[in-house]
Amino acid sequence: MSPRRARRIDPFDRGDGRGSPARPVGSSVPGVDQVEEWPDGDWFVRRVTGAGADKVYRCPGCDQELRPGVPHLVSWPAWRGGEQERRHWHTACWRNRIRRGPGRSRY
């Protein structure tokens, strides 16, 4: 399932909506945050290249390890304080998280 719409994050935005106009950026630029709107809310998403992945993380979607050197993404809820809920996901697990059954955390 694809996100309904992705908005680019302006690095010069002061948080009050008066930042500079967003610059066009490709949808898969590693290290650049974007906001994705999904049925379960808005999420900040950052893509991580294999070269940028230097630690072991556990994917909340499949409960498997993300080994160093594996490209993946990092997401967190797009609300104030949501960065405390930041999680590293396999890209496919992130796309399929909406289809997971009850009883499993969605982030």
N, C-alpha and C. Protein backbone atom coordinates (compact mmCIF):
# COMPACT_ATOMS: atom_id res chain seq x y z
N MET A 1 0.84 -1.16 0.00
CA MET A 1 0.00 0.00 0.00
C MET A 1 0.89 1.23 0.00
N SER A 2 0.65 2.17 -0.85
CA SER A 2 1.43 3.39 -0.94
C SER A 2 0.81 4.48 -0.09
N PRO A 3 1.65 5.40 0.38
CA PRO A 3 1.08 6.51 1.13
C PRO A 3 0.23 7.37 0.22
N ARG A 4 -0.76 8.03 0.79
CA ARG A 4 -1.65 8.86 -0.01
C ARG A 4 -0.93 10.09 -0.54
N ARG A 5 -0.06 10.66 0.28
CA ARG A 5 0.63 11.85 -0.15
C ARG A 5 1.88 12.03 0.70
N ALA A 6 2.95 12.46 0.11
CA ALA A 6 4.17 12.73 0.85
C ALA A 6 4.49 14.21 0.73
N ARG A 7 4.79 14.83 1.86
CA ARG A 7 5.18 16.24 1.88
C ARG A 7 6.65 16.30 2.23
N ARG A 8 7.36 17.20 1.62
CA ARG A 8 8.78 17.40 1.93
C ARG A 8 8.91 18.27 3.17
N ILE A 9 9.92 17.99 3.94
CA ILE A 9 10.21 18.79 5.13
C ILE A 9 11.24 19.84 4.74
N ASP A 10 10.95 21.09 5.06
CA ASP A 10 11.86 22.18 4.79
C ASP A 10 12.84 22.31 5.95
N PRO A 11 14.14 22.12 5.70
CA PRO A 11 15.09 22.21 6.81
C PRO A 11 15.18 23.60 7.41
N PHE A 12 14.67 24.62 6.72
CA PHE A 12 14.70 25.99 7.24
C PHE A 12 13.39 26.38 7.90
N ASP A 13 12.45 25.47 7.96
CA ASP A 13 11.16 25.76 8.59
C ASP A 13 11.37 25.92 10.09
N ARG A 14 10.87 26.99 10.65
CA ARG A 14 11.04 27.28 12.07
C ARG A 14 9.95 26.62 12.90
N GLY A 15 9.08 25.85 12.30
CA GLY A 15 8.01 25.19 13.03
C GLY A 15 6.74 26.00 13.11
N ASP A 16 6.76 27.21 12.57
CA ASP A 16 5.57 28.06 12.63
C ASP A 16 4.91 28.19 11.26
N GLY A 17 5.38 27.39 10.29
CA GLY A 17 4.78 27.42 8.96
C GLY A 17 5.27 28.57 8.10
N ARG A 18 6.25 29.35 8.59
CA ARG A 18 6.73 30.49 7.82
C ARG A 18 8.11 30.25 7.24
N GLY A 19 8.52 29.01 7.07
CA GLY A 19 9.82 28.69 6.52
C GLY A 19 9.86 29.00 5.04
N SER A 20 10.99 28.75 4.44
CA SER A 20 11.12 28.98 3.00
C SER A 20 10.32 27.94 2.25
N PRO A 21 9.95 28.21 0.99
CA PRO A 21 9.18 27.23 0.23
C PRO A 21 9.95 25.91 0.09
N ALA A 22 9.23 24.81 0.12
CA ALA A 22 9.87 23.49 -0.01
C ALA A 22 10.51 23.36 -1.38
N ARG A 23 11.68 22.74 -1.40
CA ARG A 23 12.37 22.50 -2.66
C ARG A 23 12.04 21.10 -3.14
N PRO A 24 11.89 20.92 -4.44
CA PRO A 24 11.57 19.57 -4.92
C PRO A 24 12.74 18.62 -4.68
N VAL A 25 12.43 17.47 -4.10
CA VAL A 25 13.43 16.45 -3.81
C VAL A 25 12.83 15.11 -4.22
N GLY A 26 13.64 14.22 -4.80
CA GLY A 26 13.15 12.90 -5.19
C GLY A 26 12.64 12.14 -3.99
N SER A 27 11.72 11.22 -4.19
CA SER A 27 11.06 10.53 -3.07
C SER A 27 11.96 9.53 -2.37
N SER A 28 13.09 9.17 -2.92
CA SER A 28 13.93 8.17 -2.27
C SER A 28 15.33 8.70 -1.98
N VAL A 29 15.45 9.96 -1.67
CA VAL A 29 16.75 10.52 -1.34
C VAL A 29 17.12 10.11 0.08
N PRO A 30 18.19 9.35 0.26
CA PRO A 30 18.56 8.90 1.59
C PRO A 30 18.89 10.07 2.51
N GLY A 31 18.49 9.96 3.76
CA GLY A 31 18.82 10.96 4.76
C GLY A 31 17.94 12.19 4.76
N VAL A 32 16.98 12.29 3.84
CA VAL A 32 16.10 13.45 3.77
C VAL A 32 14.74 13.07 4.32
N ASP A 33 14.29 13.79 5.34
CA ASP A 33 13.01 13.49 5.97
C ASP A 33 11.86 13.91 5.07
N GLN A 34 10.81 13.14 5.11
CA GLN A 34 9.57 13.51 4.45
C GLN A 34 8.43 13.11 5.37
N VAL A 35 7.28 13.71 5.17
CA VAL A 35 6.10 13.33 5.95
C VAL A 35 5.20 12.51 5.04
N GLU A 36 4.81 11.33 5.49
CA GLU A 36 3.90 10.48 4.75
C GLU A 36 2.58 10.40 5.50
N GLU A 37 1.49 10.58 4.77
CA GLU A 37 0.16 10.47 5.35
C GLU A 37 -0.36 9.06 5.09
N TRP A 38 -0.72 8.36 6.15
CA TRP A 38 -1.23 7.00 6.09
C TRP A 38 -2.54 6.96 6.87
N PRO A 39 -3.32 5.88 6.71
CA PRO A 39 -4.56 5.76 7.49
C PRO A 39 -4.32 5.78 9.00
N ASP A 40 -3.11 5.40 9.44
CA ASP A 40 -2.82 5.42 10.88
C ASP A 40 -2.13 6.70 11.33
N GLY A 41 -2.16 7.73 10.50
CA GLY A 41 -1.62 9.02 10.87
C GLY A 41 -0.50 9.49 9.97
N ASP A 42 0.07 10.63 10.33
CA ASP A 42 1.19 11.21 9.59
C ASP A 42 2.49 10.76 10.26
N TRP A 43 3.48 10.44 9.42
CA TRP A 43 4.75 9.91 9.91
C TRP A 43 5.91 10.62 9.24
N PHE A 44 6.93 10.96 10.01
CA PHE A 44 8.20 11.39 9.44
C PHE A 44 8.91 10.11 9.01
N VAL A 45 9.50 10.14 7.82
CA VAL A 45 10.20 8.97 7.30
C VAL A 45 11.55 9.42 6.76
N ARG A 46 12.60 8.71 7.14
CA ARG A 46 13.95 8.98 6.64
C ARG A 46 14.52 7.68 6.09
N ARG A 47 14.98 7.69 4.88
CA ARG A 47 15.59 6.52 4.28
C ARG A 47 17.07 6.48 4.64
N VAL A 48 17.56 5.29 4.97
CA VAL A 48 18.95 5.10 5.38
C VAL A 48 19.61 4.18 4.37
N THR A 49 20.75 4.61 3.82
CA THR A 49 21.49 3.76 2.88
C THR A 49 22.22 2.66 3.64
N GLY A 50 22.66 1.66 2.93
CA GLY A 50 23.44 0.61 3.57
C GLY A 50 24.72 1.16 4.16
N ALA A 51 25.34 2.14 3.49
CA ALA A 51 26.57 2.73 4.00
C ALA A 51 26.32 3.54 5.27
N GLY A 52 25.10 4.05 5.43
CA GLY A 52 24.77 4.85 6.59
C GLY A 52 24.28 4.02 7.77
N ALA A 53 24.09 2.73 7.56
CA ALA A 53 23.59 1.86 8.63
C ALA A 53 24.77 1.15 9.27
N ASP A 54 25.13 1.57 10.48
CA ASP A 54 26.32 1.00 11.11
C ASP A 54 26.04 0.29 12.44
N LYS A 55 24.78 0.17 12.81
CA LYS A 55 24.40 -0.51 14.05
C LYS A 55 23.36 -1.58 13.75
N VAL A 56 23.13 -2.45 14.71
CA VAL A 56 22.09 -3.48 14.59
C VAL A 56 20.81 -2.92 15.22
N TYR A 57 19.70 -3.00 14.50
CA TYR A 57 18.39 -2.58 14.99
C TYR A 57 17.44 -3.76 14.85
N ARG A 58 16.31 -3.71 15.52
CA ARG A 58 15.29 -4.74 15.39
C ARG A 58 14.06 -4.12 14.74
N CYS A 59 13.64 -4.69 13.61
CA CYS A 59 12.48 -4.20 12.87
C CYS A 59 11.21 -4.54 13.65
N PRO A 60 10.35 -3.56 13.96
CA PRO A 60 9.12 -3.86 14.68
C PRO A 60 8.10 -4.60 13.83
N GLY A 61 8.28 -4.61 12.51
CA GLY A 61 7.33 -5.28 11.63
C GLY A 61 7.49 -6.78 11.61
N CYS A 62 8.74 -7.25 11.55
CA CYS A 62 8.98 -8.69 11.45
C CYS A 62 9.77 -9.24 12.64
N ASP A 63 10.19 -8.37 13.54
CA ASP A 63 10.95 -8.74 14.72
C ASP A 63 12.30 -9.38 14.37
N GLN A 64 12.82 -9.09 13.19
CA GLN A 64 14.13 -9.58 12.77
C GLN A 64 15.15 -8.45 12.87
N GLU A 65 16.41 -8.81 12.93
CA GLU A 65 17.46 -7.80 13.02
C GLU A 65 17.70 -7.10 11.70
N LEU A 66 17.97 -5.82 11.78
CA LEU A 66 18.47 -5.04 10.64
C LEU A 66 19.98 -4.96 10.87
N ARG A 67 20.74 -5.68 10.10
CA ARG A 67 22.20 -5.75 10.26
C ARG A 67 22.87 -4.51 9.69
N PRO A 68 24.07 -4.19 10.15
CA PRO A 68 24.82 -3.07 9.57
C PRO A 68 24.99 -3.28 8.06
N GLY A 69 24.83 -2.20 7.31
CA GLY A 69 24.99 -2.27 5.86
C GLY A 69 23.70 -2.54 5.11
N VAL A 70 22.59 -2.77 5.81
CA VAL A 70 21.31 -3.06 5.16
C VAL A 70 20.52 -1.75 5.01
N PRO A 71 20.16 -1.38 3.77
CA PRO A 71 19.33 -0.18 3.60
C PRO A 71 17.97 -0.40 4.26
N HIS A 72 17.44 0.65 4.90
CA HIS A 72 16.16 0.56 5.59
C HIS A 72 15.61 1.97 5.76
N LEU A 73 14.58 2.12 6.58
CA LEU A 73 14.07 3.46 6.85
C LEU A 73 13.79 3.60 8.33
N VAL A 74 13.74 4.85 8.76
CA VAL A 74 13.45 5.21 10.13
C VAL A 74 12.16 6.02 10.10
N SER A 75 11.24 5.72 10.99
CA SER A 75 9.99 6.48 11.03
C SER A 75 9.64 6.83 12.47
N TRP A 76 8.88 7.90 12.60
CA TRP A 76 8.36 8.31 13.89
C TRP A 76 7.12 9.14 13.66
N PRO A 77 6.19 9.15 14.62
CA PRO A 77 4.93 9.89 14.45
C PRO A 77 5.20 11.38 14.28
N ALA A 78 4.42 12.02 13.43
CA ALA A 78 4.59 13.45 13.12
C ALA A 78 3.80 14.30 14.10
N TRP A 79 4.05 14.12 15.38
CA TRP A 79 3.47 14.99 16.39
C TRP A 79 4.60 15.41 17.33
N ARG A 80 4.37 16.45 18.08
CA ARG A 80 5.39 16.95 19.01
C ARG A 80 5.73 15.85 20.00
N GLY A 81 7.00 15.53 20.12
CA GLY A 81 7.44 14.46 21.01
C GLY A 81 7.45 13.10 20.33
N GLY A 82 7.01 13.01 19.09
CA GLY A 82 6.98 11.74 18.37
C GLY A 82 8.34 11.15 18.09
N GLU A 83 9.38 11.99 18.13
CA GLU A 83 10.73 11.47 17.86
C GLU A 83 11.17 10.47 18.93
N GLN A 84 10.50 10.45 20.07
CA GLN A 84 10.79 9.45 21.10
C GLN A 84 10.33 8.06 20.67
N GLU A 85 9.47 7.99 19.67
CA GLU A 85 8.93 6.73 19.16
C GLU A 85 9.60 6.30 17.86
N ARG A 86 10.80 6.81 17.61
CA ARG A 86 11.51 6.52 16.36
C ARG A 86 11.86 5.04 16.28
N ARG A 87 11.59 4.42 15.12
CA ARG A 87 11.85 2.99 14.91
C ARG A 87 12.50 2.77 13.53
N HIS A 88 13.36 1.76 13.46
CA HIS A 88 14.03 1.37 12.22
C HIS A 88 13.28 0.18 11.63
N TRP A 89 12.89 0.29 10.35
CA TRP A 89 12.07 -0.71 9.67
C TRP A 89 12.74 -1.20 8.39
N HIS A 90 12.50 -2.47 8.04
CA HIS A 90 12.73 -2.91 6.66
C HIS A 90 11.73 -2.13 5.81
N THR A 91 12.10 -1.75 4.63
CA THR A 91 11.21 -0.96 3.78
C THR A 91 9.91 -1.70 3.50
N ALA A 92 9.98 -2.99 3.20
CA ALA A 92 8.77 -3.77 2.92
C ALA A 92 7.89 -3.91 4.16
N CYS A 93 8.49 -4.07 5.33
CA CYS A 93 7.71 -4.17 6.57
C CYS A 93 6.98 -2.86 6.84
N TRP A 94 7.61 -1.73 6.56
CA TRP A 94 6.96 -0.43 6.75
C TRP A 94 5.74 -0.31 5.84
N ARG A 95 5.90 -0.69 4.58
CA ARG A 95 4.78 -0.58 3.63
C ARG A 95 3.63 -1.51 4.00
N ASN A 96 3.92 -2.65 4.61
CA ASN A 96 2.89 -3.64 4.91
C ASN A 96 2.36 -3.58 6.34
N ARG A 97 2.78 -2.63 7.14
CA ARG A 97 2.39 -2.60 8.55
C ARG A 97 0.90 -2.42 8.75
N ILE A 98 0.22 -1.75 7.84
CA ILE A 98 -1.22 -1.50 7.95
C ILE A 98 -2.00 -2.82 7.89
N ARG A 99 -1.46 -3.80 7.18
CA ARG A 99 -2.17 -5.08 7.00
C ARG A 99 -1.98 -6.05 8.15
N ARG A 100 -1.12 -5.70 9.11
CA ARG A 100 -0.88 -6.63 10.22
C ARG A 100 -2.12 -6.76 11.08
N GLY A 101 -2.31 -7.92 11.63
CA GLY A 101 -3.49 -8.19 12.44
C GLY A 101 -3.46 -7.52 13.79
N PRO A 102 -4.56 -7.62 14.53
CA PRO A 102 -4.63 -7.03 15.87
C PRO A 102 -3.64 -7.71 16.82
N GLY A 103 -3.29 -7.01 17.85
CA GLY A 103 -2.39 -7.57 18.84
C GLY A 103 -0.92 -7.26 18.57
N ARG A 104 -0.61 -6.67 17.43
CA ARG A 104 0.77 -6.30 17.12
C ARG A 104 0.86 -4.78 17.08
N SER A 105 1.91 -4.25 17.60
CA SER A 105 2.13 -2.81 17.59
C SER A 105 2.33 -2.34 16.16
N ARG A 106 1.85 -1.16 15.84
CA ARG A 106 2.04 -0.61 14.49
C ARG A 106 3.24 0.30 14.42
N TYR A 107 3.89 0.51 15.52
CA TYR A 107 5.15 1.26 15.53
C TYR A 107 5.96 0.92 16.74
